[in-house]
Amino acid sequence: MSFLGRGGPSPAGGVNHERIEMAVNEIDMVSDVFNRIVSSCHAKCISPRYAEGDLNKGESVCIDRCVAKFFEVNKKVGEKMQSAGASAQATGSTSFSL
């Protein structure tokens, strides 16, 4: 069965709308992360006065590090939220703190 529900049984005999909605939500989330990375790393690493058409060595290194740090922090926050959610679920609590 394909991601959008074609090739398999679907409720209306057509496209699975729930899966399309999930795919659209995922695209929105990925786009949001991308835009936040671009905005944050551009502000930190690139001078507002463009002297050249290409990035210089320092800007390139800064952007590489900025993006790596962004994903590392994102990964750590996700892991922390998963563990907090799992412990909250185990205790029957409906809220958790980081």
N, C-alpha and C. Protein backbone atom coordinates (compact mmCIF):
# COMPACT_ATOMS: atom_id res chain seq x y z
N MET A 1 0.85 -1.17 0.00
CA MET A 1 0.00 0.00 0.00
C MET A 1 0.89 1.23 0.00
N SER A 2 0.55 2.22 -0.78
CA SER A 2 1.36 3.43 -0.86
C SER A 2 1.05 4.36 0.29
N PHE A 3 1.86 5.40 0.43
CA PHE A 3 1.73 6.34 1.53
C PHE A 3 0.39 7.06 1.53
N LEU A 4 -0.11 7.44 0.37
CA LEU A 4 -1.35 8.20 0.30
C LEU A 4 -2.59 7.32 0.17
N GLY A 5 -2.42 6.03 0.29
CA GLY A 5 -3.57 5.15 0.32
C GLY A 5 -3.96 4.57 -1.01
N ARG A 6 -3.22 4.83 -2.06
CA ARG A 6 -3.55 4.25 -3.36
C ARG A 6 -3.02 2.83 -3.42
N GLY A 7 -3.68 1.99 -4.09
CA GLY A 7 -3.23 0.62 -4.26
C GLY A 7 -3.76 -0.32 -3.18
N GLY A 8 -4.40 0.21 -2.22
CA GLY A 8 -4.95 -0.60 -1.14
C GLY A 8 -6.38 -0.20 -0.88
N PRO A 9 -7.01 -0.89 0.03
CA PRO A 9 -8.39 -0.53 0.32
C PRO A 9 -8.46 0.84 0.99
N SER A 10 -9.32 1.70 0.50
CA SER A 10 -9.52 3.00 1.11
C SER A 10 -11.00 3.22 1.34
N PRO A 11 -11.35 4.05 2.30
CA PRO A 11 -12.75 4.17 2.72
C PRO A 11 -13.70 4.60 1.61
N ALA A 12 -13.34 5.57 0.78
CA ALA A 12 -14.27 6.07 -0.22
C ALA A 12 -13.95 5.56 -1.61
N GLY A 13 -13.05 4.58 -1.71
CA GLY A 13 -12.68 4.08 -3.01
C GLY A 13 -11.71 5.00 -3.73
N GLY A 14 -11.21 6.00 -3.04
CA GLY A 14 -10.29 6.98 -3.63
C GLY A 14 -9.11 7.19 -2.72
N VAL A 15 -8.68 8.41 -2.66
CA VAL A 15 -7.52 8.78 -1.86
C VAL A 15 -7.90 8.80 -0.38
N ASN A 16 -6.98 8.35 0.44
CA ASN A 16 -7.18 8.35 1.89
C ASN A 16 -6.92 9.76 2.41
N HIS A 17 -7.97 10.48 2.77
CA HIS A 17 -7.86 11.88 3.17
C HIS A 17 -7.12 12.05 4.49
N GLU A 18 -7.23 11.08 5.36
CA GLU A 18 -6.51 11.16 6.64
C GLU A 18 -5.00 11.14 6.41
N ARG A 19 -4.56 10.28 5.50
CA ARG A 19 -3.13 10.22 5.20
C ARG A 19 -2.64 11.47 4.49
N ILE A 20 -3.47 12.03 3.65
CA ILE A 20 -3.09 13.28 2.97
C ILE A 20 -2.95 14.39 4.02
N GLU A 21 -3.87 14.45 4.95
CA GLU A 21 -3.79 15.45 6.01
C GLU A 21 -2.53 15.26 6.85
N MET A 22 -2.19 14.01 7.15
CA MET A 22 -0.97 13.73 7.90
C MET A 22 0.26 14.18 7.11
N ALA A 23 0.26 13.93 5.81
CA ALA A 23 1.39 14.32 4.97
C ALA A 23 1.51 15.84 4.90
N VAL A 24 0.40 16.53 4.79
CA VAL A 24 0.41 17.99 4.75
C VAL A 24 0.93 18.55 6.07
N ASN A 25 0.49 17.97 7.19
CA ASN A 25 0.97 18.41 8.50
C ASN A 25 2.47 18.19 8.63
N GLU A 26 2.96 17.07 8.13
CA GLU A 26 4.39 16.80 8.21
C GLU A 26 5.18 17.79 7.35
N ILE A 27 4.68 18.09 6.17
CA ILE A 27 5.34 19.07 5.31
C ILE A 27 5.37 20.43 6.00
N ASP A 28 4.28 20.79 6.65
CA ASP A 28 4.23 22.06 7.38
C ASP A 28 5.27 22.09 8.49
N MET A 29 5.40 20.99 9.24
CA MET A 29 6.37 20.93 10.33
C MET A 29 7.81 21.01 9.81
N VAL A 30 8.10 20.27 8.75
CA VAL A 30 9.45 20.29 8.17
C VAL A 30 9.76 21.67 7.62
N SER A 31 8.81 22.29 6.97
CA SER A 31 9.01 23.65 6.45
C SER A 31 9.26 24.64 7.58
N ASP A 32 8.54 24.49 8.68
CA ASP A 32 8.73 25.37 9.83
C ASP A 32 10.13 25.20 10.41
N VAL A 33 10.59 23.97 10.57
CA VAL A 33 11.94 23.73 11.09
C VAL A 33 12.98 24.33 10.15
N PHE A 34 12.82 24.10 8.86
CA PHE A 34 13.75 24.66 7.88
C PHE A 34 13.80 26.18 7.97
N ASN A 35 12.64 26.81 8.03
CA ASN A 35 12.58 28.28 8.09
C ASN A 35 13.20 28.82 9.37
N ARG A 36 13.00 28.11 10.49
CA ARG A 36 13.62 28.55 11.75
C ARG A 36 15.14 28.40 11.70
N ILE A 37 15.63 27.33 11.09
CA ILE A 37 17.08 27.14 10.94
C ILE A 37 17.66 28.25 10.07
N VAL A 38 17.04 28.50 8.94
CA VAL A 38 17.53 29.54 8.03
C VAL A 38 17.55 30.89 8.74
N SER A 39 16.48 31.24 9.39
CA SER A 39 16.39 32.53 10.05
C SER A 39 17.43 32.67 11.15
N SER A 40 17.51 31.68 12.01
CA SER A 40 18.44 31.73 13.14
C SER A 40 19.89 31.74 12.70
N CYS A 41 20.26 30.81 11.84
CA CYS A 41 21.66 30.69 11.41
C CYS A 41 22.08 31.85 10.51
N HIS A 42 21.18 32.37 9.71
CA HIS A 42 21.49 33.52 8.88
C HIS A 42 21.80 34.74 9.77
N ALA A 43 20.96 34.94 10.78
CA ALA A 43 21.17 36.09 11.68
C ALA A 43 22.48 35.96 12.45
N LYS A 44 22.85 34.74 12.83
CA LYS A 44 24.07 34.53 13.63
C LYS A 44 25.34 34.55 12.78
N CYS A 45 25.27 34.09 11.56
CA CYS A 45 26.49 33.79 10.81
C CYS A 45 26.80 34.70 9.63
N ILE A 46 25.82 35.38 9.12
CA ILE A 46 26.05 36.14 7.88
C ILE A 46 25.87 37.62 8.16
N SER A 47 26.87 38.38 7.79
CA SER A 47 26.84 39.83 7.97
C SER A 47 25.74 40.44 7.12
N PRO A 48 25.07 41.47 7.63
CA PRO A 48 24.03 42.11 6.83
C PRO A 48 24.57 42.87 5.61
N ARG A 49 25.87 43.13 5.62
CA ARG A 49 26.50 43.77 4.45
C ARG A 49 27.14 42.68 3.61
N TYR A 50 26.55 42.41 2.47
CA TYR A 50 27.07 41.38 1.58
C TYR A 50 28.22 41.94 0.77
N ALA A 51 29.42 41.38 0.97
CA ALA A 51 30.59 41.83 0.22
C ALA A 51 30.82 40.97 -1.02
N GLU A 52 30.36 39.73 -0.95
CA GLU A 52 30.59 38.78 -2.05
C GLU A 52 29.29 38.03 -2.34
N GLY A 53 29.27 37.41 -3.50
CA GLY A 53 28.10 36.62 -3.87
C GLY A 53 28.04 35.26 -3.19
N ASP A 54 29.20 34.78 -2.76
CA ASP A 54 29.28 33.46 -2.11
C ASP A 54 29.63 33.63 -0.64
N LEU A 55 29.37 32.58 0.13
CA LEU A 55 29.76 32.60 1.54
C LEU A 55 31.27 32.50 1.65
N ASN A 56 31.84 33.22 2.62
CA ASN A 56 33.27 33.05 2.86
C ASN A 56 33.48 31.85 3.80
N LYS A 57 34.71 31.49 4.04
CA LYS A 57 35.04 30.29 4.84
C LYS A 57 34.44 30.38 6.24
N GLY A 58 34.58 31.53 6.89
CA GLY A 58 34.05 31.70 8.25
C GLY A 58 32.55 31.55 8.30
N GLU A 59 31.85 32.13 7.32
CA GLU A 59 30.39 32.01 7.28
C GLU A 59 29.96 30.56 7.06
N SER A 60 30.66 29.87 6.18
CA SER A 60 30.33 28.47 5.89
C SER A 60 30.50 27.60 7.14
N VAL A 61 31.61 27.79 7.83
CA VAL A 61 31.86 27.01 9.05
C VAL A 61 30.82 27.33 10.11
N CYS A 62 30.51 28.61 10.26
CA CYS A 62 29.50 29.03 11.24
C CYS A 62 28.14 28.40 10.94
N ILE A 63 27.75 28.42 9.68
CA ILE A 63 26.45 27.83 9.31
C ILE A 63 26.44 26.33 9.55
N ASP A 64 27.52 25.65 9.19
CA ASP A 64 27.61 24.20 9.44
C ASP A 64 27.43 23.90 10.93
N ARG A 65 28.12 24.66 11.77
CA ARG A 65 28.03 24.44 13.22
C ARG A 65 26.66 24.80 13.75
N CYS A 66 26.10 25.88 13.25
CA CYS A 66 24.78 26.33 13.70
C CYS A 66 23.72 25.27 13.40
N VAL A 67 23.74 24.75 12.19
CA VAL A 67 22.75 23.73 11.80
C VAL A 67 22.95 22.46 12.62
N ALA A 68 24.21 22.06 12.82
CA ALA A 68 24.49 20.86 13.62
C ALA A 68 23.99 21.04 15.05
N LYS A 69 24.23 22.21 15.64
CA LYS A 69 23.75 22.47 17.00
C LYS A 69 22.23 22.49 17.06
N PHE A 70 21.61 23.06 16.05
CA PHE A 70 20.15 23.12 16.01
C PHE A 70 19.57 21.71 16.05
N PHE A 71 20.11 20.81 15.21
CA PHE A 71 19.59 19.45 15.18
C PHE A 71 19.93 18.67 16.45
N GLU A 72 21.09 18.93 17.02
CA GLU A 72 21.46 18.26 18.27
C GLU A 72 20.51 18.66 19.40
N VAL A 73 20.22 19.94 19.51
CA VAL A 73 19.30 20.41 20.54
C VAL A 73 17.89 19.87 20.27
N ASN A 74 17.48 19.87 19.02
CA ASN A 74 16.17 19.34 18.65
C ASN A 74 16.06 17.87 19.05
N LYS A 75 17.12 17.11 18.82
CA LYS A 75 17.15 15.69 19.17
C LYS A 75 17.05 15.52 20.69
N LYS A 76 17.82 16.32 21.44
CA LYS A 76 17.81 16.20 22.90
C LYS A 76 16.45 16.58 23.48
N VAL A 77 15.84 17.62 22.96
CA VAL A 77 14.52 18.02 23.44
C VAL A 77 13.49 16.93 23.14
N GLY A 78 13.56 16.35 21.94
CA GLY A 78 12.65 15.26 21.59
C GLY A 78 12.80 14.06 22.50
N GLU A 79 14.06 13.69 22.80
CA GLU A 79 14.30 12.56 23.71
C GLU A 79 13.77 12.87 25.11
N LYS A 80 14.00 14.10 25.58
CA LYS A 80 13.53 14.50 26.91
C LYS A 80 12.01 14.46 26.98
N MET A 81 11.36 14.94 25.93
CA MET A 81 9.90 14.92 25.91
C MET A 81 9.36 13.50 25.85
N GLN A 82 10.02 12.62 25.10
CA GLN A 82 9.59 11.23 25.04
C GLN A 82 9.71 10.56 26.40
N SER A 83 10.84 10.78 27.07
CA SER A 83 11.02 10.14 28.38
C SER A 83 10.04 10.72 29.40
N ALA A 84 9.81 12.04 29.34
CA ALA A 84 8.84 12.65 30.25
C ALA A 84 7.43 12.14 29.96
N GLY A 85 7.10 12.00 28.69
CA GLY A 85 5.77 11.48 28.33
C GLY A 85 5.59 10.03 28.75
N ALA A 86 6.67 9.24 28.60
CA ALA A 86 6.59 7.84 29.01
C ALA A 86 6.44 7.72 30.52
N SER A 87 7.17 8.53 31.27
CA SER A 87 7.05 8.45 32.73
C SER A 87 5.69 8.97 33.19
N ALA A 88 5.17 10.00 32.51
CA ALA A 88 3.84 10.51 32.85
C ALA A 88 2.77 9.47 32.55
N GLN A 89 2.95 8.75 31.46
CA GLN A 89 1.98 7.71 31.09
C GLN A 89 2.04 6.56 32.09
N ALA A 90 3.24 6.22 32.54
CA ALA A 90 3.41 5.13 33.49
C ALA A 90 2.78 5.46 34.84
N THR A 91 2.83 6.74 35.24
CA THR A 91 2.26 7.13 36.53
C THR A 91 0.79 7.53 36.41
N GLY A 92 0.29 7.64 35.18
CA GLY A 92 -1.09 8.00 34.98
C GLY A 92 -1.32 9.49 34.97
N SER A 93 -0.27 10.27 35.00
CA SER A 93 -0.38 11.72 34.98
C SER A 93 -0.69 12.19 33.57
N THR A 94 -1.38 13.32 33.48
CA THR A 94 -1.70 13.85 32.16
C THR A 94 -0.81 15.03 31.78
N SER A 95 0.02 15.50 32.71
CA SER A 95 0.92 16.60 32.39
C SER A 95 2.32 16.22 32.84
N PHE A 96 3.31 16.87 32.24
CA PHE A 96 4.70 16.59 32.61
C PHE A 96 5.50 17.86 32.48
N SER A 97 6.63 17.88 33.16
CA SER A 97 7.51 19.05 33.08
C SER A 97 8.87 18.61 32.57
N LEU A 98 9.53 19.53 31.90
CA LEU A 98 10.85 19.24 31.37
C LEU A 98 11.88 19.60 32.35
